[in-house]
Amino acid sequence: MTLDTLLSYASGLGISLVLTVFSLLFGLAGGLLAAMASLATSRWVSWPAIALVELGRGAPGLVLLYLVYFSLPQIGFTIDAVPSAVVALSIMTAAYTSEIFVAGFRAVGKGQWEACESLGMSYFSTARLVIIPQAVSVVIPPLIGWSVLLFQATSLAFAISVPELISRAYDFATSTYEYGLAFIVAGAVYLGVSLLAVGLVHQSLRLRRRVATH
């Protein structure tokens, strides 16, 4: 591999990471709101939220990507490839992480919801000030796992010509006919970044626990 090829891979990796970060930011916010809505006592709030979550979980990521990129322009919303990928991946993230947040909320226990209600606190104030801080330790491990899966899922953006990591690998493969090498290198990059991210997060959690115990 030449230096230009390695730089091309690095550029693709950068775009994959950008897709991951922005999809996480928007998706986690959406997932948290969807989780809070699905646990609401009003069926007018909870049922639509649950339906949207199941729709997002049931639709394949590639289908969501095509719907955003190809269908929205037909109703007057033209979105470029990179924002389309972010929107589709954010929807996936919101749908899957909402279940993680719901599990975290339920792990705290009903008693604390009832105690806050007896104190006159609103539903959203209870969630924001009491429940979410306690649920963080429960939701972090599965959220780390989802973040790794999301980083790997950015390869779907290749289907709409986003120049991410797999796209760069494909360009190298078609120009040299070294398909095995091209995708082995791409796979190694995905694996290396995933292991590094998980290791860094686990290390930070260990340091946090040590600080908390002293």
Protein backbone atom coordinates (compact mmCIF):
# COMPACT_ATOMS: atom_id res chain seq x y z
CA MET A 1 0.00 0.00 0.00
CA THR A 2 1.21 3.48 -0.86
CA LEU A 3 1.12 6.55 1.36
CA ASP A 4 -1.74 7.96 -0.72
CA THR A 5 -3.76 4.80 -0.08
CA LEU A 6 -3.15 4.99 3.66
CA LEU A 7 -4.16 8.65 3.67
CA SER A 8 -7.32 7.71 1.77
CA TYR A 9 -8.14 5.11 4.42
CA ALA A 10 -7.47 7.69 7.14
CA SER A 11 -9.83 10.13 5.43
CA GLY A 12 -12.52 7.46 5.23
CA LEU A 13 -12.00 6.59 8.89
CA GLY A 14 -12.41 10.26 9.79
CA ILE A 15 -15.76 10.42 8.02
CA SER A 16 -16.87 7.18 9.69
CA LEU A 17 -16.02 8.66 13.09
CA VAL A 18 -17.86 11.90 12.28
CA LEU A 19 -20.95 9.89 11.31
CA THR A 20 -20.67 7.93 14.56
CA VAL A 21 -20.30 10.99 16.80
CA PHE A 22 -23.16 13.00 15.32
CA SER A 23 -25.46 9.98 15.10
CA LEU A 24 -24.76 9.25 18.77
CA LEU A 25 -25.43 12.84 19.81
CA PHE A 26 -28.77 13.08 18.05
CA GLY A 27 -29.72 9.44 18.58
CA LEU A 28 -29.05 9.37 22.33
CA ALA A 29 -31.12 12.52 22.78
CA GLY A 30 -33.93 10.98 20.77
CA GLY A 31 -33.63 7.67 22.59
CA LEU A 32 -33.81 9.36 25.99
CA LEU A 33 -36.91 11.33 25.01
CA ALA A 34 -38.53 8.22 23.52
CA ALA A 35 -37.80 6.25 26.70
CA MET A 36 -39.31 8.93 28.91
CA ALA A 37 -42.35 9.16 26.64
CA SER A 38 -42.87 5.39 26.51
CA LEU A 39 -42.90 5.24 30.34
CA ALA A 40 -45.37 8.11 30.65
CA THR A 41 -48.66 7.33 32.36
CA SER A 42 -50.68 8.86 29.52
CA ARG A 43 -51.38 6.39 26.72
CA TRP A 44 -51.60 9.28 24.27
CA VAL A 45 -47.91 9.85 24.96
CA SER A 46 -46.62 6.32 25.56
CA TRP A 47 -48.29 4.43 22.71
CA PRO A 48 -47.04 6.67 19.85
CA ALA A 49 -43.55 6.58 21.37
CA ILE A 50 -43.59 2.78 21.61
CA ALA A 51 -44.88 2.50 18.04
CA LEU A 52 -42.11 4.75 16.70
CA VAL A 53 -39.47 2.80 18.62
CA GLU A 54 -40.70 -0.54 17.26
CA LEU A 55 -40.79 0.91 13.75
CA GLY A 56 -37.21 2.10 14.08
CA ARG A 57 -36.06 -1.24 15.50
CA GLY A 58 -37.93 -3.28 12.92
CA ALA A 59 -36.72 -1.49 9.81
CA PRO A 60 -33.29 -2.56 8.50
CA GLY A 61 -30.68 0.18 8.62
CA LEU A 62 -30.20 0.14 4.86
CA VAL A 63 -33.93 0.60 4.32
CA LEU A 64 -33.94 3.63 6.64
CA LEU A 65 -30.95 5.02 4.77
CA TYR A 66 -32.64 4.65 1.39
CA LEU A 67 -35.89 6.11 2.71
CA VAL A 68 -34.12 9.23 3.96
CA TYR A 69 -31.84 9.69 0.95
CA PHE A 70 -34.18 8.75 -1.90
CA SER A 71 -37.71 9.26 -0.59
CA LEU A 72 -37.48 12.63 1.17
CA PRO A 73 -36.51 14.49 -2.05
CA GLN A 74 -39.76 13.25 -3.59
CA ILE A 75 -41.72 15.26 -1.04
CA GLY A 76 -39.55 18.35 -1.31
CA PHE A 77 -36.77 17.67 1.22
CA THR A 78 -33.41 17.30 -0.50
CA ILE A 79 -30.64 16.09 1.83
CA ASP A 80 -27.04 15.40 0.90
CA ALA A 81 -25.49 11.98 1.43
CA VAL A 82 -23.65 12.67 4.71
CA PRO A 83 -26.61 14.34 6.50
CA SER A 84 -28.87 11.55 5.20
CA ALA A 85 -26.58 8.97 6.76
CA VAL A 86 -26.59 10.88 10.06
CA VAL A 87 -30.40 11.09 10.07
CA ALA A 88 -30.85 7.37 9.33
CA LEU A 89 -28.23 6.27 11.86
CA SER A 90 -29.70 8.65 14.45
CA ILE A 91 -33.12 7.06 14.00
CA MET A 92 -31.57 3.62 14.49
CA THR A 93 -29.71 4.83 17.56
CA ALA A 94 -32.80 6.44 19.09
CA ALA A 95 -34.86 3.30 18.57
CA TYR A 96 -32.33 0.90 20.08
CA THR A 97 -31.05 3.08 22.91
CA SER A 98 -34.57 3.93 24.06
CA GLU A 99 -34.89 0.32 25.24
CA ILE A 100 -31.57 0.65 27.07
CA PHE A 101 -32.77 3.80 28.82
CA VAL A 102 -36.10 2.16 29.70
CA ALA A 103 -34.23 -0.73 31.33
CA GLY A 104 -32.11 1.77 33.25
CA PHE A 105 -35.15 3.68 34.48
CA ARG A 106 -36.88 0.49 35.60
CA ALA A 107 -33.77 -0.65 37.44
CA VAL A 108 -34.06 2.37 39.74
CA GLY A 109 -37.38 1.14 41.08
CA LYS A 110 -40.95 2.39 41.23
CA GLY A 111 -40.63 3.59 44.79
CA GLN A 112 -38.52 6.58 43.83
CA TRP A 113 -40.97 7.65 41.14
CA GLU A 114 -43.78 7.45 43.69
CA ALA A 115 -41.76 9.34 46.31
CA CYS A 116 -41.03 12.18 43.90
CA GLU A 117 -44.67 12.27 42.83
CA SER A 118 -45.74 12.58 46.46
CA LEU A 119 -43.38 15.56 46.78
CA GLY A 120 -45.15 17.27 43.89
CA MET A 121 -42.34 16.89 41.38
CA SER A 122 -43.30 16.70 37.72
CA TYR A 123 -42.60 13.60 35.62
CA PHE A 124 -39.77 15.21 33.67
CA SER A 125 -38.24 16.82 36.76
CA THR A 126 -38.23 13.44 38.48
CA ALA A 127 -36.56 11.80 35.50
CA ARG A 128 -33.98 14.57 35.07
CA LEU A 129 -33.04 15.14 38.71
CA VAL A 130 -33.53 11.75 40.36
CA ILE A 131 -33.91 8.82 37.97
CA ILE A 132 -31.45 9.56 35.15
CA PRO A 133 -28.42 10.16 37.44
CA GLN A 134 -29.00 6.79 39.12
CA ALA A 135 -29.67 4.97 35.84
CA VAL A 136 -26.37 6.08 34.30
CA SER A 137 -24.36 3.23 35.82
CA VAL A 138 -26.88 0.73 34.43
CA VAL A 139 -27.03 2.08 30.89
CA ILE A 140 -23.35 2.83 30.23
CA PRO A 141 -22.19 -0.75 29.43
CA PRO A 142 -24.91 -1.44 26.82
CA LEU A 143 -24.49 2.06 25.39
CA ILE A 144 -20.79 1.34 24.88
CA GLY A 145 -21.74 -1.83 23.02
CA TRP A 146 -24.20 0.07 20.85
CA SER A 147 -21.62 2.77 20.08
CA VAL A 148 -19.26 0.11 18.70
CA LEU A 149 -22.06 -1.40 16.61
CA LEU A 150 -22.98 2.06 15.34
CA PHE A 151 -19.39 2.75 14.29
CA GLN A 152 -19.43 -0.48 12.32
CA ALA A 153 -22.87 0.34 10.88
CA THR A 154 -21.51 3.52 9.30
CA SER A 155 -20.30 1.19 6.54
CA LEU A 156 -23.93 1.22 5.30
CA ALA A 157 -23.33 4.79 4.12
CA PHE A 158 -21.23 3.31 1.31
CA ALA A 159 -24.56 2.50 -0.37
CA ILE A 160 -25.30 6.21 -0.92
CA SER A 161 -21.73 7.13 -1.92
CA VAL A 162 -20.55 8.60 1.37
CA PRO A 163 -16.72 8.40 1.19
CA GLU A 164 -16.34 6.53 4.49
CA LEU A 165 -13.93 3.72 5.30
CA ILE A 166 -15.54 0.93 3.26
CA SER A 167 -15.92 3.29 0.30
CA ARG A 168 -12.18 4.04 0.42
CA ALA A 169 -11.42 0.32 0.67
CA TYR A 170 -13.63 -0.35 -2.36
CA ASP A 171 -11.88 2.38 -4.35
CA PHE A 172 -8.51 0.79 -3.57
CA ALA A 173 -9.82 -2.68 -4.44
CA THR A 174 -11.24 -1.66 -7.81
CA SER A 175 -8.07 0.17 -8.81
CA THR A 176 -5.66 -2.63 -7.81
CA TYR A 177 -7.90 -5.73 -7.88
CA GLU A 178 -6.55 -6.59 -4.42
CA TYR A 179 -9.98 -7.07 -2.89
CA GLY A 180 -8.78 -9.32 -0.09
CA LEU A 181 -6.11 -6.90 1.10
CA ALA A 182 -8.42 -3.90 0.76
CA PHE A 183 -11.14 -5.28 3.00
CA ILE A 184 -8.81 -7.05 5.42
CA VAL A 185 -7.20 -3.67 6.12
CA ALA A 186 -10.63 -2.05 6.50
CA GLY A 187 -11.73 -4.81 8.87
CA ALA A 188 -8.55 -4.42 10.91
CA VAL A 189 -9.20 -0.69 11.23
CA TYR A 190 -12.78 -1.29 12.41
CA LEU A 191 -11.56 -3.86 14.92
CA GLY A 192 -8.70 -1.70 16.18
CA VAL A 193 -10.83 1.41 16.67
CA SER A 194 -13.60 -0.60 18.36
CA LEU A 195 -11.21 -2.28 20.81
CA LEU A 196 -9.47 1.02 21.53
CA ALA A 197 -12.75 2.81 22.22
CA VAL A 198 -14.03 0.07 24.52
CA GLY A 199 -10.70 -0.07 26.35
CA LEU A 200 -10.59 3.69 26.90
CA VAL A 201 -14.16 3.80 28.20
CA HIS A 202 -13.62 0.88 30.58
CA GLN A 203 -10.41 2.46 31.84
CA SER A 204 -12.16 5.76 32.50
CA LEU A 205 -14.92 3.92 34.38
CA ARG A 206 -12.33 2.14 36.54
CA LEU A 207 -10.64 5.44 37.35
CA ARG A 208 -14.01 6.95 38.22
CA ARG A 209 -14.78 4.07 40.60
CA ARG A 210 -11.38 4.40 42.27
CA VAL A 211 -11.90 8.13 42.78
CA ALA A 212 -15.40 7.49 44.16
CA THR A 213 -14.10 4.95 46.70
CA HIS A 214 -11.40 7.29 48.08
